[in-house]
PDB file of N, CA and C in Angstrom:
ATOM      1  N   UNK A   1      22.243 338.706 169.951  1.00  0.00           N
ATOM      2  CA  UNK A   1      21.168 338.053 170.638  1.00  0.00           C
ATOM      3  C   UNK A   1      21.248 336.545 170.249  1.00  0.00           C
ATOM      4  N   UNK A   2      21.427 335.696 171.178  1.00  0.00           N
ATOM      5  CA  UNK A   2      21.498 334.253 170.960  1.00  0.00           C
ATOM      6  C   UNK A   2      20.107 333.672 171.041  1.00  0.00           C
ATOM      7  N   UNK A   3      19.720 332.998 170.006  1.00  0.00           N
ATOM      8  CA  UNK A   3      18.376 332.369 169.984  1.00  0.00           C
ATOM      9  C   UNK A   3      18.261 331.290 171.017  1.00  0.00           C
ATOM     10  N   UNK A   4      17.114 331.250 171.767  1.00  0.00           N
ATOM     11  CA  UNK A   4      16.960 330.339 172.844  1.00  0.00           C
ATOM     12  C   UNK A   4      15.622 329.604 172.912  1.00  0.00           C
ATOM     13  N   UNK A   5      14.965 329.503 171.743  1.00  0.00           N
ATOM     14  CA  UNK A   5      13.645 328.844 171.726  1.00  0.00           C
ATOM     15  C   UNK A   5      13.576 327.833 170.589  1.00  0.00           C
ATOM     16  N   UNK A   6      13.145 326.634 170.947  1.00  0.00           N
ATOM     17  CA  UNK A   6      12.999 325.606 169.937  1.00  0.00           C
ATOM     18  C   UNK A   6      11.649 325.728 169.272  1.00  0.00           C
ATOM     19  N   UNK A   7      11.490 324.924 168.218  1.00  0.00           N
ATOM     20  CA  UNK A   7      10.273 324.994 167.380  1.00  0.00           C
ATOM     21  C   UNK A   7       8.968 324.706 168.157  1.00  0.00           C
ATOM     22  N   UNK A   8       8.977 323.715 168.978  1.00  0.00           N
ATOM     23  CA  UNK A   8       7.756 323.366 169.741  1.00  0.00           C
ATOM     24  C   UNK A   8       7.379 324.520 170.683  1.00  0.00           C
ATOM     25  N   UNK A   9       8.354 325.112 171.310  1.00  0.00           N
ATOM     26  CA  UNK A   9       8.165 326.267 172.181  1.00  0.00           C
ATOM     27  C   UNK A   9       7.584 327.474 171.389  1.00  0.00           C
ATOM     28  N   UNK A  10       8.120 327.706 170.246  1.00  0.00           N
ATOM     29  CA  UNK A  10       7.678 328.807 169.379  1.00  0.00           C
ATOM     30  C   UNK A  10       6.200 328.601 168.974  1.00  0.00           C
ATOM     31  N   UNK A  11       5.860 327.384 168.530  1.00  0.00           N
ATOM     32  CA  UNK A  11       4.516 327.109 168.092  1.00  0.00           C
ATOM     33  C   UNK A  11       3.526 327.268 169.224  1.00  0.00           C
ATOM     34  N   UNK A  12       3.866 326.689 170.377  1.00  0.00           N
ATOM     35  CA  UNK A  12       2.986 326.806 171.544  1.00  0.00           C
ATOM     36  C   UNK A  12       2.740 328.251 171.924  1.00  0.00           C
ATOM     37  N   UNK A  13       3.821 329.014 171.968  1.00  0.00           N
ATOM     38  CA  UNK A  13       3.649 330.451 172.382  1.00  0.00           C
ATOM     39  C   UNK A  13       2.810 331.201 171.342  1.00  0.00           C
ATOM     40  N   UNK A  14       3.045 330.941 170.045  1.00  0.00           N
ATOM     41  CA  UNK A  14       2.261 331.644 169.041  1.00  0.00           C
ATOM     42  C   UNK A  14       0.793 331.314 169.132  1.00  0.00           C
ATOM     43  N   UNK A  15       0.466 330.030 169.303  1.00  0.00           N
ATOM     44  CA  UNK A  15      -0.928 329.637 169.393  1.00  0.00           C
ATOM     45  C   UNK A  15      -1.629 330.192 170.657  1.00  0.00           C
ATOM     46  N   UNK A  16      -0.968 330.107 171.747  1.00  0.00           N
ATOM     47  CA  UNK A  16      -1.536 330.639 173.011  1.00  0.00           C
ATOM     48  C   UNK A  16      -1.670 332.155 172.930  1.00  0.00           C
ATOM     49  N   UNK A  17      -0.670 332.801 172.369  1.00  0.00           N
ATOM     50  CA  UNK A  17      -0.718 334.246 172.226  1.00  0.00           C
ATOM     51  C   UNK A  17      -1.905 334.674 171.335  1.00  0.00           C
ATOM     52  N   UNK A  18      -2.064 333.983 170.216  1.00  0.00           N
ATOM     53  CA  UNK A  18      -3.145 334.342 169.296  1.00  0.00           C
ATOM     54  C   UNK A  18      -4.487 334.046 169.935  1.00  0.00           C
ATOM     55  N   UNK A  19      -4.610 332.994 170.700  1.00  0.00           N
ATOM     56  CA  UNK A  19      -5.877 332.711 171.402  1.00  0.00           C
ATOM     57  C   UNK A  19      -6.189 333.782 172.429  1.00  0.00           C
ATOM     58  N   UNK A  20      -5.168 334.260 173.170  1.00  0.00           N
ATOM     59  CA  UNK A  20      -5.357 335.284 174.143  1.00  0.00           C
ATOM     60  C   UNK A  20      -5.865 336.634 173.434  1.00  0.00           C
ATOM     61  N   UNK A  21      -5.184 336.942 172.349  1.00  0.00           N
ATOM     62  CA  UNK A  21      -5.573 338.185 171.622  1.00  0.00           C
ATOM     63  C   UNK A  21      -7.012 338.088 171.091  1.00  0.00           C
ATOM     64  N   UNK A  22      -7.337 336.907 170.525  1.00  0.00           N
ATOM     65  CA  UNK A  22      -8.722 336.664 170.031  1.00  0.00           C
ATOM     66  C   UNK A  22      -9.759 336.792 171.170  1.00  0.00           C
ATOM     67  N   UNK A  23      -9.398 336.273 172.321  1.00  0.00           N
ATOM     68  CA  UNK A  23     -10.334 336.303 173.518  1.00  0.00           C
ATOM     69  C   UNK A  23     -10.543 337.781 173.896  1.00  0.00           C
ATOM     70  N   UNK A  24      -9.507 338.580 173.881  1.00  0.00           N
ATOM     71  CA  UNK A  24      -9.648 339.992 174.250  1.00  0.00           C
ATOM     72  C   UNK A  24     -10.545 340.679 173.259  1.00  0.00           C
ATOM     73  N   UNK A  25     -10.298 340.461 171.962  1.00  0.00           N
ATOM     74  CA  UNK A  25     -11.102 341.123 170.935  1.00  0.00           C
ATOM     75  C   UNK A  25     -12.562 340.697 170.964  1.00  0.00           C
ATOM     76  N   UNK A  26     -12.845 339.515 171.406  1.00  0.00           N
ATOM     77  CA  UNK A  26     -14.227 339.016 171.538  1.00  0.00           C
ATOM     78  C   UNK A  26     -14.846 339.478 172.856  1.00  0.00           C
ATOM     79  N   UNK A  27     -14.057 340.025 173.761  1.00  0.00           N
ATOM     80  CA  UNK A  27     -14.582 340.489 175.006  1.00  0.00           C
ATOM     81  C   UNK A  27     -14.727 339.368 176.088  1.00  0.00           C
ATOM     82  N   UNK A  28     -14.076 338.264 175.828  1.00  0.00           N
ATOM     83  CA  UNK A  28     -14.204 337.123 176.763  1.00  0.00           C
ATOM     84  C   UNK A  28     -13.328 337.336 177.995  1.00  0.00           C
ATOM     85  N   UNK A  29     -12.179 337.961 177.816  1.00  0.00           N
ATOM     86  CA  UNK A  29     -11.256 338.207 178.918  1.00  0.00           C
ATOM     87  C   UNK A  29     -10.880 339.656 178.958  1.00  0.00           C
ATOM     88  N   UNK A  30     -10.252 340.104 180.014  1.00  0.00           N
ATOM     89  CA  UNK A  30      -9.916 341.521 180.192  1.00  0.00           C
ATOM     90  C   UNK A  30      -8.611 341.919 179.488  1.00  0.00           C
ATOM     91  N   UNK A  31      -8.121 343.041 179.911  1.00  0.00           N
ATOM     92  CA  UNK A  31      -6.912 343.647 179.314  1.00  0.00           C
ATOM     93  C   UNK A  31      -5.686 342.770 179.376  1.00  0.00           C
ATOM     94  N   UNK A  32      -5.596 341.910 180.365  1.00  0.00           N
ATOM     95  CA  UNK A  32      -4.409 341.071 180.536  1.00  0.00           C
ATOM     96  C   UNK A  32      -4.187 340.149 179.384  1.00  0.00           C
ATOM     97  N   UNK A  33      -5.190 339.893 178.606  1.00  0.00           N
ATOM     98  CA  UNK A  33      -5.071 339.051 177.423  1.00  0.00           C
ATOM     99  C   UNK A  33      -4.144 339.621 176.352  1.00  0.00           C
ATOM    100  N   UNK A  34      -3.911 340.915 176.454  1.00  0.00           N
ATOM    101  CA  UNK A  34      -3.000 341.575 175.502  1.00  0.00           C
ATOM    102  C   UNK A  34      -1.567 341.105 175.707  1.00  0.00           C
ATOM    103  N   UNK A  35      -1.299 340.409 176.819  1.00  0.00           N
ATOM    104  CA  UNK A  35      -0.004 339.797 177.005  1.00  0.00           C
ATOM    105  C   UNK A  35       0.302 338.762 175.946  1.00  0.00           C
ATOM    106  N   UNK A  36      -0.695 338.345 175.210  1.00  0.00           N
ATOM    107  CA  UNK A  36      -0.527 337.472 174.079  1.00  0.00           C
ATOM    108  C   UNK A  36       0.335 338.059 172.991  1.00  0.00           C
ATOM    109  N   UNK A  37       0.385 339.401 172.895  1.00  0.00           N
ATOM    110  CA  UNK A  37       1.263 340.061 171.981  1.00  0.00           C
ATOM    111  C   UNK A  37       2.697 339.744 172.293  1.00  0.00           C
ATOM    112  N   UNK A  38       3.065 339.701 173.558  1.00  0.00           N
ATOM    113  CA  UNK A  38       4.436 339.378 173.973  1.00  0.00           C
ATOM    114  C   UNK A  38       4.753 337.936 173.546  1.00  0.00           C
ATOM    115  N   UNK A  39       3.814 337.014 173.763  1.00  0.00           N
ATOM    116  CA  UNK A  39       4.031 335.663 173.381  1.00  0.00           C
ATOM    117  C   UNK A  39       4.243 335.484 171.903  1.00  0.00           C
ATOM    118  N   UNK A  40       3.422 336.130 171.078  1.00  0.00           N
ATOM    119  CA  UNK A  40       3.595 336.102 169.630  1.00  0.00           C
ATOM    120  C   UNK A  40       4.932 336.713 169.221  1.00  0.00           C
ATOM    121  N   UNK A  41       5.284 337.826 169.880  1.00  0.00           N
ATOM    122  CA  UNK A  41       6.534 338.495 169.491  1.00  0.00           C
ATOM    123  C   UNK A  41       7.761 337.634 169.840  1.00  0.00           C
ATOM    124  N   UNK A  42       7.788 337.023 171.000  1.00  0.00           N
ATOM    125  CA  UNK A  42       8.945 336.176 171.341  1.00  0.00           C
ATOM    126  C   UNK A  42       9.006 334.959 170.409  1.00  0.00           C
ATOM    127  N   UNK A  43       7.820 334.410 170.024  1.00  0.00           N
ATOM    128  CA  UNK A  43       7.796 333.307 169.090  1.00  0.00           C
ATOM    129  C   UNK A  43       8.363 333.696 167.763  1.00  0.00           C
ATOM    130  N   UNK A  44       8.044 334.894 167.322  1.00  0.00           N
ATOM    131  CA  UNK A  44       8.468 335.407 166.007  1.00  0.00           C
ATOM    132  C   UNK A  44       9.979 335.588 165.907  1.00  0.00           C
ATOM    133  N   UNK A  45      10.639 335.996 166.969  1.00  0.00           N
ATOM    134  CA  UNK A  45      12.079 336.236 166.958  1.00  0.00           C
ATOM    135  C   UNK A  45      12.917 335.119 167.589  1.00  0.00           C
ATOM    136  N   UNK A  46      12.266 334.020 168.076  1.00  0.00           N
ATOM    137  CA  UNK A  46      12.929 332.894 168.696  1.00  0.00           C
ATOM    138  C   UNK A  46      13.804 333.263 169.894  1.00  0.00           C
ATOM    139  N   UNK A  47      13.422 334.298 170.588  1.00  0.00           N
ATOM    140  CA  UNK A  47      14.215 334.736 171.718  1.00  0.00           C
ATOM    141  C   UNK A  47      13.284 335.134 172.823  1.00  0.00           C
ATOM    142  N   UNK A  48      13.567 334.615 174.036  1.00  0.00           N
ATOM    143  CA  UNK A  48      12.828 334.939 175.224  1.00  0.00           C
ATOM    144  C   UNK A  48      13.788 335.597 176.246  1.00  0.00           C
ATOM    145  N   UNK A  49      13.574 336.888 176.572  1.00  0.00           N
ATOM    146  CA  UNK A  49      14.448 337.537 177.488  1.00  0.00           C
ATOM    147  C   UNK A  49      14.492 336.848 178.893  1.00  0.00           C
ATOM    148  N   UNK A  50      13.339 336.305 179.310  1.00  0.00           N
ATOM    149  CA  UNK A  50      13.320 335.630 180.610  1.00  0.00           C
ATOM    150  C   UNK A  50      14.170 334.361 180.583  1.00  0.00           C
ATOM    151  N   UNK A  51      14.110 333.612 179.488  1.00  0.00           N
ATOM    152  CA  UNK A  51      14.951 332.447 179.328  1.00  0.00           C
ATOM    153  C   UNK A  51      16.439 332.803 179.387  1.00  0.00           C
ATOM    154  N   UNK A  52      16.768 333.898 178.744  1.00  0.00           N
ATOM    155  CA  UNK A  52      18.155 334.359 178.742  1.00  0.00           C
ATOM    156  C   UNK A  52      18.609 334.743 180.168  1.00  0.00           C
ATOM    157  N   UNK A  53      17.778 335.406 180.888  1.00  0.00           N
ATOM    158  CA  UNK A  53      18.058 335.762 182.271  1.00  0.00           C
ATOM    159  C   UNK A  53      18.266 334.567 183.163  1.00  0.00           C
ATOM    160  N   UNK A  54      17.437 333.538 182.955  1.00  0.00           N
ATOM    161  CA  UNK A  54      17.540 332.354 183.765  1.00  0.00           C
ATOM    162  C   UNK A  54      18.475 331.293 183.216  1.00  0.00           C
ATOM    163  N   UNK A  55      19.060 331.537 182.039  1.00  0.00           N
ATOM    164  CA  UNK A  55      20.025 330.587 181.476  1.00  0.00           C
ATOM    165  C   UNK A  55      19.300 329.350 180.873  1.00  0.00           C
ATOM    166  N   UNK A  56      18.073 329.497 180.439  1.00  0.00           N
ATOM    167  CA  UNK A  56      17.304 328.392 179.898  1.00  0.00           C
ATOM    168  C   UNK A  56      17.302 328.484 178.371  1.00  0.00           C
ATOM    169  N   UNK A  57      17.185 327.294 177.755  1.00  0.00           N
ATOM    170  CA  UNK A  57      17.038 327.242 176.291  1.00  0.00           C
ATOM    171  C   UNK A  57      16.263 325.995 175.911  1.00  0.00           C
ATOM    172  N   UNK A  58      15.250 326.151 175.057  1.00  0.00           N
ATOM    173  CA  UNK A  58      14.478 325.010 174.615  1.00  0.00           C
ATOM    174  C   UNK A  58      14.969 324.652 173.175  1.00  0.00           C
ATOM    175  N   UNK A  59      16.005 325.309 172.745  1.00  0.00           N
ATOM    176  CA  UNK A  59      16.536 325.106 171.408  1.00  0.00           C
ATOM    177  C   UNK A  59      17.438 323.845 171.435  1.00  0.00           C
ATOM    178  N   UNK A  60      17.376 323.020 170.340  1.00  0.00           N
ATOM    179  CA  UNK A  60      18.235 321.852 170.343  1.00  0.00           C
ATOM    180  C   UNK A  60      19.708 322.226 170.374  1.00  0.00           C
ATOM    181  N   UNK A  61      20.521 321.382 170.964  1.00  0.00           N
ATOM    182  CA  UNK A  61      21.989 321.628 171.015  1.00  0.00           C
ATOM    183  C   UNK A  61      22.545 321.587 169.606  1.00  0.00           C
ATOM    184  N   UNK A  62      23.722 322.235 169.423  1.00  0.00           N
ATOM    185  CA  UNK A  62      24.294 322.241 168.080  1.00  0.00           C
ATOM    186  C   UNK A  62      24.618 320.853 167.585  1.00  0.00           C
ATOM    187  N   UNK A  63      24.400 320.707 166.304  1.00  0.00           N
ATOM    188  CA  UNK A  63      24.610 319.415 165.692  1.00  0.00           C
ATOM    189  C   UNK A  63      23.429 318.486 165.759  1.00  0.00           C
ATOM    190  N   UNK A  64      22.365 318.917 166.427  1.00  0.00           N
ATOM    191  CA  UNK A  64      21.141 318.088 166.554  1.00  0.00           C
ATOM    192  C   UNK A  64      20.440 318.022 165.201  1.00  0.00           C
ATOM    193  N   UNK A  65      19.737 316.971 164.997  1.00  0.00           N
ATOM    194  CA  UNK A  65      18.982 316.815 163.730  1.00  0.00           C
ATOM    195  C   UNK A  65      17.925 317.878 163.610  1.00  0.00           C
ATOM    196  N   UNK A  66      17.787 318.430 162.445  1.00  0.00           N
ATOM    197  CA  UNK A  66      16.806 319.449 162.158  1.00  0.00           C
ATOM    198  C   UNK A  66      17.218 320.866 162.508  1.00  0.00           C
ATOM    199  N   UNK A  67      18.361 321.050 163.023  1.00  0.00           N
ATOM    200  CA  UNK A  67      18.827 322.411 163.342  1.00  0.00           C
ATOM    201  C   UNK A  67      19.342 323.081 162.100  1.00  0.00           C
ATOM    202  N   UNK A  68      19.009 324.348 161.923  1.00  0.00           N
ATOM    203  CA  UNK A  68      19.398 325.076 160.729  1.00  0.00           C
ATOM    204  C   UNK A  68      20.738 325.716 160.964  1.00  0.00           C
ATOM    205  N   UNK A  69      21.685 325.549 160.062  1.00  0.00           N
ATOM    206  CA  UNK A  69      23.010 326.147 160.243  1.00  0.00           C
ATOM    207  C   UNK A  69      22.907 327.701 160.196  1.00  0.00           C
ATOM    208  N   UNK A  70      23.731 328.319 160.920  1.00  0.00           N
ATOM    209  CA  UNK A  70      23.832 329.790 160.862  1.00  0.00           C
ATOM    210  C   UNK A  70      22.756 330.483 161.740  1.00  0.00           C
ATOM    211  N   UNK A  71      22.043 329.769 162.528  1.00  0.00           N
ATOM    212  CA  UNK A  71      21.052 330.402 163.387  1.00  0.00           C
ATOM    213  C   UNK A  71      21.431 330.391 164.810  1.00  0.00           C
TER     214      UNK A  71
END
């Protein structure tokens, strides 16, 4: 599995996912808010299957500043 998500993408997905889950638990929104679990999961593993299908990556190109070797 080739990682295809950059840090900003991961942080945004995690925050939005957690907000959706919290809204469901508070009763503010319906069942669809549980889709936040998918957002949190993709952020945790740095891989989005939809990005892979579409050939998209928000990850910096190799050799870019701040990129961790071996990932």
